[in-house]
Protein backbone atom coordinates (compact mmCIF):
# COMPACT_ATOMS: atom_id res chain seq x y z
CA UNK A 1 -14.22 14.07 -0.59
CA UNK A 2 -14.83 14.45 -3.80
CA UNK A 3 -13.43 17.28 -5.46
CA UNK A 4 -14.73 17.09 -8.69
CA UNK A 5 -16.52 20.61 -9.44
CA UNK A 6 -19.23 19.37 -12.05
CA UNK A 7 -17.80 21.14 -15.28
CA UNK A 8 -18.80 18.53 -17.41
CA UNK A 9 -22.21 18.39 -15.63
CA UNK A 10 -22.25 22.38 -16.28
CA UNK A 11 -21.68 21.56 -19.96
CA UNK A 12 -24.63 19.65 -20.22
CA UNK A 13 -27.12 21.66 -18.53
CA UNK A 14 -25.86 24.59 -20.19
CA UNK A 15 -28.13 26.14 -23.28
CA UNK A 16 -25.52 28.62 -24.68
CA UNK A 17 -23.18 25.79 -24.83
CA UNK A 18 -24.71 23.42 -27.81
CA UNK A 19 -24.10 26.58 -29.99
CA UNK A 20 -22.08 29.56 -28.95
CA UNK A 21 -19.10 29.84 -31.30
CA UNK A 22 -15.78 29.00 -29.72
CA UNK A 23 -17.38 27.61 -26.30
CA UNK A 24 -16.46 24.74 -24.16
CA UNK A 25 -18.31 22.34 -25.85
CA UNK A 26 -15.84 22.69 -28.97
CA UNK A 27 -13.31 21.37 -26.50
CA UNK A 28 -13.38 17.53 -25.31
CA UNK A 29 -13.00 17.01 -21.63
CA UNK A 30 -11.99 13.81 -19.56
CA UNK A 31 -12.21 12.91 -16.09
CA UNK A 32 -9.52 11.28 -14.29
CA UNK A 33 -10.72 9.41 -10.78
CA UNK A 34 -8.19 9.23 -8.85
CA UNK A 35 -7.02 8.30 -4.66
CA UNK A 36 -6.72 11.25 -1.95
CA UNK A 37 -2.90 12.04 -2.13
CA UNK A 38 -2.20 12.50 -5.77
CA UNK A 39 -4.22 15.39 -7.27
CA UNK A 40 -1.16 17.46 -7.03
CA UNK A 41 0.65 15.13 -9.23
CA UNK A 42 -2.24 14.86 -11.81
CA UNK A 43 -2.52 18.70 -11.43
CA UNK A 44 0.65 19.39 -13.09
CA UNK A 45 0.52 16.27 -15.36
CA UNK A 46 -2.68 17.41 -16.81
CA UNK A 47 -1.11 20.74 -17.91
CA UNK A 48 1.76 19.26 -19.75
CA UNK A 49 -0.23 16.47 -21.57
CA UNK A 50 -2.81 18.87 -22.41
CA UNK A 51 0.03 21.15 -24.08
CA UNK A 52 1.40 17.65 -25.63
CA UNK A 53 -1.90 16.67 -26.82
CA UNK A 54 -2.68 19.89 -28.63
CA UNK A 55 1.09 20.11 -30.11
CA UNK A 56 0.29 16.55 -31.53
CA UNK A 57 -3.28 17.21 -32.78
CA UNK A 58 -4.53 20.63 -32.23
CA UNK A 59 -7.18 19.38 -30.33
CA UNK A 60 -7.97 21.41 -26.71
CA UNK A 61 -8.48 18.80 -24.00
CA UNK A 62 -10.19 19.73 -20.68
CA UNK A 63 -9.26 17.51 -18.18
CA UNK A 64 -10.92 17.02 -14.97
CA UNK A 65 -9.57 15.49 -11.93
CA UNK A 66 -11.66 13.67 -8.71
CA UNK A 67 -9.96 12.72 -5.71
CA UNK A 68 -11.32 10.82 -2.43
CA UNK A 69 -10.30 8.01 -0.27
CA UNK A 70 -9.65 5.12 -3.15
CA UNK A 71 -12.31 2.23 -2.47
CA UNK A 72 -14.69 5.56 -2.06
CA UNK A 73 -13.70 6.78 -5.54
CA UNK A 74 -13.77 3.54 -7.20
CA UNK A 75 -17.16 2.91 -5.78
CA UNK A 76 -18.51 6.25 -7.04
CA UNK A 77 -17.58 5.25 -10.42
CA UNK A 78 -19.39 1.84 -9.95
CA UNK A 79 -22.51 3.61 -8.93
CA UNK A 80 -22.24 6.14 -12.09
CA UNK A 81 -19.30 8.84 -11.91
CA UNK A 82 -18.67 8.99 -15.28
CA UNK A 83 -14.87 8.73 -15.21
CA UNK A 84 -13.05 8.37 -18.37
CA UNK A 85 -9.93 7.34 -16.97
CA UNK A 86 -9.54 5.81 -13.28
CA UNK A 87 -6.17 6.41 -11.49
CA UNK A 88 -5.36 3.79 -8.08
CA UNK A 89 -3.20 3.38 -5.60
CA UNK A 90 -3.96 -0.61 -6.19
CA UNK A 91 -5.46 -2.54 -8.40
CA UNK A 92 -7.84 -4.26 -5.80
CA UNK A 93 -10.04 -0.81 -6.40
CA UNK A 94 -9.73 -1.52 -10.47
CA UNK A 95 -11.00 -4.69 -10.40
CA UNK A 96 -14.58 -3.28 -8.62
CA UNK A 97 -15.17 -1.86 -11.73
CA UNK A 98 -14.65 -5.34 -13.86
CA UNK A 99 -17.26 -7.32 -10.79
CA UNK A 100 -19.45 -4.24 -10.57
CA UNK A 101 -20.92 -3.79 -14.51
CA UNK A 102 -18.15 -5.00 -16.43
CA UNK A 103 -16.71 -1.33 -16.76
CA UNK A 104 -13.21 -2.64 -17.79
CA UNK A 105 -12.28 -6.01 -19.00
CA UNK A 106 -10.75 -8.39 -16.40
CA UNK A 107 -7.47 -8.38 -18.33
CA UNK A 108 -7.64 -4.64 -17.66
CA UNK A 109 -3.41 -4.86 -16.33
CA UNK A 110 -2.38 -5.96 -19.53
CA UNK A 111 -3.28 -3.20 -21.94
CA UNK A 112 0.00 -1.07 -20.55
CA UNK A 113 3.10 -1.75 -19.51
CA UNK A 114 4.27 -2.86 -15.75
CA UNK A 115 0.85 -4.11 -15.21
CA UNK A 116 -0.62 -1.17 -16.03
CA UNK A 117 1.39 0.70 -13.01
CA UNK A 118 3.43 3.91 -14.10
CA UNK A 119 4.58 5.00 -10.69
CA UNK A 120 5.46 3.21 -7.45
CA UNK A 121 5.61 4.36 -4.12
CA UNK A 122 6.51 2.66 -0.45
CA UNK A 123 4.70 2.65 2.63
CA UNK A 124 6.85 5.14 5.75
CA UNK A 125 6.43 6.48 8.77
CA UNK A 126 6.66 10.23 9.80
CA UNK A 127 7.31 11.44 12.82
CA UNK A 128 8.13 14.59 15.31
CA UNK A 129 11.17 16.48 14.73
CA UNK A 130 13.95 14.33 16.44
CA UNK A 131 11.94 11.25 16.94
CA UNK A 132 11.26 11.56 20.31
CA UNK A 133 9.24 8.22 20.72
CA UNK A 134 12.38 6.58 19.07
CA UNK A 135 10.31 4.65 16.67
CA UNK A 136 12.56 2.81 13.89
CA UNK A 137 10.80 -0.19 13.09
CA UNK A 138 7.09 -1.16 12.40
CA UNK A 139 7.03 -3.08 15.57
CA UNK A 140 7.55 0.36 17.44
CA UNK A 141 3.84 1.14 16.05
CA UNK A 142 2.66 -1.59 18.28
CA UNK A 143 4.06 -0.27 21.72
CA UNK A 144 1.80 -0.04 24.75
CA UNK A 145 0.92 4.23 25.13
CA UNK A 146 1.83 5.13 21.45
CA UNK A 147 -0.56 7.36 19.51
CA UNK A 148 -0.16 6.20 15.51
CA UNK A 149 -2.22 7.72 12.56
CA UNK A 150 -3.75 5.52 10.11
CA UNK A 151 -6.08 6.03 7.48
CA UNK A 152 -9.13 3.72 7.49
CA UNK A 153 -8.10 0.26 5.51
CA UNK A 154 -11.90 0.03 4.64
CA UNK A 155 -11.89 2.88 2.73
CA UNK A 156 -8.31 3.73 2.01
CA UNK A 157 -5.62 1.95 0.01
CA UNK A 158 -3.15 4.17 2.09
CA UNK A 159 -4.49 2.14 5.02
CA UNK A 160 -4.92 -1.04 3.30
CA UNK A 161 -0.78 -0.83 2.11
CA UNK A 162 -0.09 0.19 6.14
CA UNK A 163 -1.93 -2.62 7.22
CA UNK A 164 -0.07 -5.15 4.34
CA UNK A 165 3.16 -3.49 5.56
CA UNK A 166 2.99 -4.03 9.24
CA UNK A 167 1.91 -7.85 8.65
CA UNK A 168 4.28 -8.35 5.48
CA UNK A 169 7.66 -6.59 7.58
CA UNK A 170 7.00 -9.03 10.55
CA UNK A 171 6.23 -11.89 7.96
CA UNK A 172 9.77 -11.15 6.38
CA UNK A 173 11.63 -10.82 10.25
CA UNK A 174 10.88 -14.74 10.08
CA UNK A 175 7.65 -14.20 12.32
CA UNK A 176 4.79 -16.73 12.12
CA UNK A 177 1.42 -15.31 10.40
CA UNK A 178 -0.13 -16.06 14.22
CA UNK A 179 2.42 -13.56 15.85
CA UNK A 180 2.29 -10.80 12.57
CA UNK A 181 -1.52 -10.45 13.22
CA UNK A 182 -1.14 -9.74 17.02
CA UNK A 183 1.69 -7.14 16.02
CA UNK A 184 -0.95 -5.80 13.37
CA UNK A 185 -3.56 -5.70 16.54
CA UNK A 186 -1.60 -3.87 18.70
CA UNK A 187 -0.69 -0.93 16.05
CA UNK A 188 -4.73 -0.61 15.44
CA UNK A 189 -5.28 -0.42 18.92
CA UNK A 190 -2.66 2.64 18.91
CA UNK A 191 -4.86 4.47 16.53
CA UNK A 192 -6.73 6.86 18.01
CA UNK A 193 -9.15 8.12 15.12
CA UNK A 194 -9.48 6.55 11.70
CA UNK A 195 -9.75 9.03 9.25
CA UNK A 196 -11.12 8.28 5.74
CA UNK A 197 -8.45 8.95 3.17
CA UNK A 198 -4.65 9.43 3.57
CA UNK A 199 -4.96 13.63 3.01
CA UNK A 200 -7.45 13.71 6.33
CA UNK A 201 -5.22 11.66 8.27
CA UNK A 202 -2.06 14.04 7.61
CA UNK A 203 -4.43 17.05 8.62
CA UNK A 204 -5.30 14.94 12.08
CA UNK A 205 -1.10 14.29 12.58
CA UNK A 206 0.22 17.45 10.89
CA UNK A 207 -2.51 20.39 11.85
CA UNK A 208 -4.13 18.85 14.87
CA UNK A 209 -0.75 17.43 16.30
CA UNK A 210 -2.70 14.08 17.19
CA UNK A 211 -0.13 11.08 17.45
CA UNK A 212 3.32 10.28 17.57
CA UNK A 213 3.72 8.60 14.34
CA UNK A 214 1.97 8.74 10.44
CA UNK A 215 1.92 6.08 8.28
CA UNK A 216 1.67 7.67 4.99
CA UNK A 217 3.56 7.38 1.25
CA UNK A 218 6.72 8.15 0.60
CA UNK A 219 5.80 10.63 -2.05
CA UNK A 220 3.19 13.09 0.77
CA UNK A 221 6.29 13.55 2.78
CA UNK A 222 7.84 16.58 0.65
CA UNK A 223 4.21 17.84 0.29
CA UNK A 224 3.50 17.36 4.22
CA UNK A 225 6.87 19.47 5.28
CA UNK A 226 6.03 22.24 2.56
CA UNK A 227 2.99 22.82 3.67
CA UNK A 228 3.17 22.32 7.56
CA UNK A 229 6.60 22.97 8.24
CA UNK A 230 10.01 21.14 8.97
CA UNK A 231 9.04 19.69 12.06
CA UNK A 232 8.98 16.19 11.17
CA UNK A 233 11.39 13.40 10.27
CA UNK A 234 11.01 10.17 8.23
CA UNK A 235 11.74 6.59 9.02
CA UNK A 236 12.19 3.59 6.69
CA UNK A 237 11.38 0.99 8.12
CA UNK A 238 14.02 -1.85 7.06
CA UNK A 239 11.35 -3.84 5.26
CA UNK A 240 8.26 -2.27 3.57
CA UNK A 241 5.50 -2.80 0.90
CA UNK A 242 5.89 -1.48 -2.22
CA UNK A 243 2.75 0.52 -2.90
CA UNK A 244 2.10 0.14 -7.10
CA UNK A 245 -0.59 2.79 -8.60
CA UNK A 246 -2.35 1.24 -11.68
CA UNK A 247 -3.84 2.89 -14.24
CA UNK A 248 -7.52 2.10 -16.64
CA UNK A 249 -9.39 3.55 -18.64
CA UNK A 250 -12.98 2.89 -17.72
CA UNK A 251 -14.00 1.27 -20.92
CA UNK A 252 -17.70 1.55 -20.87
CA UNK A 253 -17.91 5.65 -20.23
CA UNK A 254 -15.19 5.81 -23.05
CA UNK A 255 -16.99 4.29 -25.60
CA UNK A 256 -20.33 5.88 -24.76
CA UNK A 257 -18.85 9.46 -24.52
CA UNK A 258 -16.12 8.80 -27.89
CA UNK A 259 -13.06 9.76 -25.89
CA UNK A 260 -10.99 6.32 -25.89
CA UNK A 261 -8.44 7.73 -28.55
CA UNK A 262 -7.63 10.89 -25.97
CA UNK A 263 -8.08 8.68 -22.86
CA UNK A 264 -5.80 5.95 -24.01
CA UNK A 265 -3.47 8.51 -24.83
CA UNK A 266 -3.68 10.13 -21.51
CA UNK A 267 -2.41 7.17 -19.96
CA UNK A 268 0.03 6.01 -22.24
CA UNK A 269 1.81 9.51 -21.88
CA UNK A 270 2.22 8.54 -17.98
CA UNK A 271 5.23 6.44 -19.42
CA UNK A 272 6.59 8.99 -21.51
CA UNK A 273 10.06 10.98 -19.96
CA UNK A 274 8.17 14.03 -19.33
CA UNK A 275 4.96 11.98 -17.51
CA UNK A 276 7.99 10.11 -15.38
CA UNK A 277 9.87 12.88 -14.94
CA UNK A 278 6.86 14.88 -13.60
CA UNK A 279 6.47 11.79 -11.81
CA UNK A 280 9.74 11.84 -9.78
CA UNK A 281 9.43 15.73 -8.84
CA UNK A 282 6.42 14.87 -6.97
CA UNK A 283 8.57 12.18 -5.58
CA UNK A 284 6.44 9.10 -6.77
CA UNK A 285 9.11 6.27 -8.19
CA UNK A 286 9.14 6.53 -11.85
CA UNK A 287 9.32 3.20 -13.75
CA UNK A 288 12.08 4.56 -16.72
CA UNK A 289 15.30 3.67 -15.12
CA UNK A 290 16.96 6.74 -16.57
CA UNK A 291 14.87 8.96 -15.08
CA UNK A 292 15.11 7.21 -11.99
CA UNK A 293 18.60 7.30 -12.07
CA UNK A 294 18.89 11.46 -12.29
CA UNK A 295 16.52 11.55 -9.34
CA UNK A 296 18.18 8.65 -7.10
CA UNK A 297 19.19 11.24 -4.21
CA UNK A 298 15.13 11.40 -3.09
CA UNK A 299 14.15 7.87 -2.86
CA UNK A 300 16.76 6.27 -0.45
CA UNK A 301 16.92 2.16 -1.53
CA UNK A 302 14.91 0.13 1.10
CA UNK A 303 13.75 -3.75 1.13
CA UNK A 304 10.37 -3.81 -0.30
CA UNK A 305 7.92 -6.82 -0.73
CA UNK A 306 4.85 -6.78 -2.68
CA UNK A 307 1.38 -7.52 -2.29
CA UNK A 308 1.33 -10.11 -4.91
CA UNK A 309 4.35 -12.09 -3.32
CA UNK A 310 3.28 -12.35 0.27
CA UNK A 311 -0.69 -12.28 0.15
CA UNK A 312 -1.55 -13.80 -3.14
CA UNK A 313 -2.70 -10.51 -4.94
CA UNK A 314 -4.93 -7.51 -4.28
CA UNK A 315 -7.98 -9.78 -5.05
CA UNK A 316 -6.91 -12.70 -2.38
CA UNK A 317 -5.87 -9.68 0.03
CA UNK A 318 -9.20 -8.24 -0.33
CA UNK A 319 -11.02 -10.80 0.57
CA UNK A 320 -8.94 -12.58 3.09
CA UNK A 321 -8.41 -9.39 4.99
CA UNK A 322 -10.34 -6.21 4.27
CA UNK A 323 -14.00 -7.34 3.17
CA UNK A 324 -16.81 -7.46 5.30
CA UNK A 325 -16.20 -9.86 8.20
CA UNK A 326 -12.66 -10.31 7.25
CA UNK A 327 -9.28 -10.19 9.38
CA UNK A 328 -9.55 -6.74 9.44
CA UNK A 329 -12.86 -6.37 11.08
CA UNK A 330 -12.03 -9.31 13.55
CA UNK A 331 -9.04 -7.20 14.72
CA UNK A 332 -10.71 -3.96 15.15
CA UNK A 333 -13.59 -5.95 17.28
CA UNK A 334 -10.50 -6.46 19.59
CA UNK A 335 -9.45 -3.23 19.51
CA UNK A 336 -12.78 -1.21 19.31
CA UNK A 337 -11.18 0.78 15.94
CA UNK A 338 -13.89 1.03 13.04
């Protein structure tokens, strides 16, 4: 789902905007194309950054958002959606813009701290209150008769992280790659429906009441409980994957539109005290140690591994597991899931 409501398009099409005194044309606009479950954070962040920028420069900014399954969003940018910035939950979706049209340079991750990932999260398991299915580990999600809601790894970063969390945790427990693959196959055989993104999967589990468990990001759990009630518990498996949330300006767009200065400042401010505090309030793990310390109660310590550590980085993981004909496709042929 793309939630961009087109204010930039309206400005371009309106004949009044070109001359009307004090019209919105006087304000610079930026479009942030992002993944499905980041909308609440960026709604608050946009308001904070607009205030900061106005105080610093006197310039009004109109900040627009677009959200959906991460890979669908990246493809939309590659196909012409004019994003000034792209804020994803995996590096692979920004690498796509290197490969398709050279919209960003190959070294995009080196331009900001922390490999251009200002926040992180972890994959966790949400279960019905009281955990009636007694789910404690990723391996439990592969038990016969269990129903597990996971978004589609072909369209969703959330889904890819889930797949790698199950596989990687199995490796960390000391089993072979073949046994890890078999566990992933059992888990995906238990998926009743593959939604396109994390928010749709949440609706399937929490609103439609489908499934014994939902795999989601830690940052989503408080939002789900606020929206759908407290009838859920969260399970932290012994090992889980660290989800890093990278960001980049879209160079060809900002240079064409003349918005590079604003777009780069917008991303840099994510590492500010205010940006990091907002992230923590939205249950994203901040990078600034002092902010993380203030919010330590919200982030239980958990053993994590990275995609780089166990899978050779996102580019290799994508080609091996998620490209057409890759391991995921081979698995779903046997499970009947697409």
